[in-house]
Protein backbone atom coordinates (compact mmCIF):
# COMPACT_ATOMS: atom_id res chain seq x y z
CA UNK A 1 151.68 55.68 -75.24
CA UNK A 2 149.29 58.28 -74.66
CA UNK A 3 150.49 60.86 -71.74
CA UNK A 4 148.73 59.68 -68.42
CA UNK A 5 146.99 62.28 -66.09
CA UNK A 6 146.11 62.03 -62.61
CA UNK A 7 142.46 61.91 -61.12
CA UNK A 8 142.53 65.48 -59.86
CA UNK A 9 142.72 66.24 -63.72
CA UNK A 10 140.71 63.69 -65.19
CA UNK A 11 137.97 64.85 -62.83
CA UNK A 12 138.79 68.51 -64.18
CA UNK A 13 138.26 67.33 -67.30
CA UNK A 14 134.83 65.63 -67.00
CA UNK A 15 133.14 67.68 -64.75
CA UNK A 16 133.28 64.34 -62.40
CA UNK A 17 134.34 64.69 -59.02
CA UNK A 18 137.12 62.06 -57.87
CA UNK A 19 134.50 60.07 -55.29
CA UNK A 20 132.29 59.29 -58.58
CA UNK A 21 135.73 58.43 -61.18
CA UNK A 22 136.62 56.05 -58.06
CA UNK A 23 133.07 54.75 -57.67
CA UNK A 24 133.22 54.26 -61.77
CA UNK A 25 136.33 52.37 -61.12
CA UNK A 26 134.93 49.76 -58.55
CA UNK A 27 131.84 49.49 -60.20
CA UNK A 28 133.65 48.63 -63.37
CA UNK A 29 132.12 50.79 -65.58
CA UNK A 30 135.74 52.47 -66.21
CA UNK A 31 139.12 50.42 -66.27
CA UNK A 32 141.52 50.45 -63.69
CA UNK A 33 143.69 53.01 -63.46
CA UNK A 34 147.24 52.33 -63.67
CA UNK A 35 149.58 53.19 -60.96
CA UNK A 36 152.76 56.15 -60.89
CA UNK A 37 155.71 55.21 -58.58
CA UNK A 38 153.78 57.30 -56.07
CA UNK A 39 150.69 55.19 -56.06
CA UNK A 40 148.70 58.02 -57.99
CA UNK A 41 146.18 56.64 -60.01
CA UNK A 42 147.02 57.74 -63.88
CA UNK A 43 144.20 57.93 -66.65
CA UNK A 44 144.50 58.15 -70.17
CA UNK A 45 142.46 60.19 -73.05
CA UNK A 46 140.17 56.53 -73.13
CA UNK A 47 139.31 57.37 -69.86
CA UNK A 48 138.04 60.72 -70.42
CA UNK A 49 136.11 60.09 -73.01
CA UNK A 50 134.62 56.95 -71.68
CA UNK A 51 133.82 59.29 -68.43
CA UNK A 52 131.99 61.94 -70.43
CA UNK A 53 129.90 59.08 -72.24
CA UNK A 54 128.86 58.09 -68.44
CA UNK A 55 128.15 61.56 -67.28
CA UNK A 56 126.23 62.00 -70.31
CA UNK A 57 124.25 58.80 -70.24
CA UNK A 58 123.84 59.87 -66.16
CA UNK A 59 122.32 63.70 -67.65
CA UNK A 60 119.87 61.28 -69.57
CA UNK A 61 118.78 59.83 -66.28
CA UNK A 62 120.17 56.09 -66.87
CA UNK A 63 120.89 53.98 -63.84
CA UNK A 64 124.43 52.47 -63.60
CA UNK A 65 123.25 49.27 -65.23
CA UNK A 66 121.93 50.92 -68.26
CA UNK A 67 125.28 52.44 -68.72
CA UNK A 68 127.22 49.62 -68.16
CA UNK A 69 125.07 48.08 -71.15
CA UNK A 70 125.76 50.57 -73.32
CA UNK A 71 129.65 50.43 -72.28
CA UNK A 72 129.43 46.76 -72.97
CA UNK A 73 128.09 47.26 -76.51
CA UNK A 74 130.49 50.14 -77.07
CA UNK A 75 133.43 47.54 -76.11
CA UNK A 76 132.48 45.62 -79.10
CA UNK A 77 131.92 47.52 -81.99
CA UNK A 78 131.18 44.78 -84.28
CA UNK A 79 128.11 43.44 -82.18
CA UNK A 80 124.74 43.86 -83.36
CA UNK A 81 123.18 47.00 -81.47
CA UNK A 82 119.60 45.54 -80.48
CA UNK A 83 120.18 45.73 -77.03
CA UNK A 84 120.95 49.49 -77.34
CA UNK A 85 118.17 50.00 -79.47
CA UNK A 86 115.69 47.70 -76.28
CA UNK A 87 117.21 49.84 -73.53
CA UNK A 88 116.50 52.93 -75.10
CA UNK A 89 113.04 51.95 -75.98
CA UNK A 90 112.61 50.59 -72.22
CA UNK A 91 113.90 54.46 -71.20
CA UNK A 92 111.91 56.38 -73.26
CA UNK A 93 108.84 54.51 -71.80
CA UNK A 94 109.94 54.93 -68.24
CA UNK A 95 110.44 58.24 -69.01
CA UNK A 96 106.59 58.52 -70.38
CA UNK A 97 105.58 56.77 -67.17
CA UNK A 98 107.56 59.15 -64.66
CA UNK A 99 105.75 62.22 -66.77
CA UNK A 100 102.55 61.16 -66.57
CA UNK A 101 102.81 60.46 -62.48
CA UNK A 102 104.56 64.20 -62.46
CA UNK A 103 101.35 64.91 -64.67
CA UNK A 104 99.19 63.58 -62.02
CA UNK A 105 100.76 65.26 -58.98
CA UNK A 106 100.92 68.63 -60.73
CA UNK A 107 96.70 67.99 -60.70
CA UNK A 108 97.10 67.20 -57.28
CA UNK A 109 98.70 70.14 -56.03
CA UNK A 110 96.67 72.73 -58.05
CA UNK A 111 93.52 70.95 -56.77
CA UNK A 112 95.33 71.45 -53.26
CA UNK A 113 96.39 74.81 -54.03
CA UNK A 114 92.79 75.69 -54.76
CA UNK A 115 91.30 74.89 -51.17
CA UNK A 116 92.72 77.36 -49.97
CA UNK A 117 92.32 81.39 -50.28
CA UNK A 118 95.12 83.86 -48.92
CA UNK A 119 93.47 85.16 -45.13
CA UNK A 120 92.80 82.26 -43.57
CA UNK A 121 93.94 81.27 -40.39
CA UNK A 122 96.20 77.73 -39.79
CA UNK A 123 92.78 76.06 -38.74
CA UNK A 124 90.78 76.64 -41.66
CA UNK A 125 93.53 75.90 -43.99
CA UNK A 126 92.05 73.88 -46.61
CA UNK A 127 95.66 73.23 -47.78
CA UNK A 128 96.08 71.43 -44.41
CA UNK A 129 93.29 69.48 -44.51
CA UNK A 130 93.62 68.30 -47.77
CA UNK A 131 97.39 66.91 -46.96
CA UNK A 132 95.67 65.55 -43.98
CA UNK A 133 93.23 63.36 -45.88
CA UNK A 134 94.96 62.45 -48.73
CA UNK A 135 94.56 62.72 -52.55
CA UNK A 136 91.55 60.66 -52.51
CA UNK A 137 89.32 62.68 -50.13
CA UNK A 138 90.70 65.84 -51.70
CA UNK A 139 87.96 66.61 -53.60
CA UNK A 140 85.38 66.41 -50.50
CA UNK A 141 87.29 68.86 -48.41
CA UNK A 142 86.26 72.34 -48.77
CA UNK A 143 88.13 75.17 -48.86
CA UNK A 144 87.43 77.69 -45.80
């Protein structure tokens, strides 16, 4: 049997908070820990590896449902990985949509920034006027 370690050590080794580890356990992403005689959670190396996998997926901005799908597939190594490919394709599309949204936001903020010049007083601030009108009216707000 492999060495069992307490939750604090697992947290230190994985960079997950103790609360996150408990949460992942409650959500079924991490199997329930064994308990010591003193009722401390005890984990093995497989839990450390699983948490590192979860953290890596989360660092790629995958949500918990996506992580759960990947873990279930990983837990059945002889199954086809078509679900993994489909999930990643969807995630790539979501990222592309978010990039497009952020690019639109950047253009809007740049336009907004162009509506005011240094030295104006607040009542003449084109940025504040633009924010009051919203992006659809930005082009008609003239800088003071």
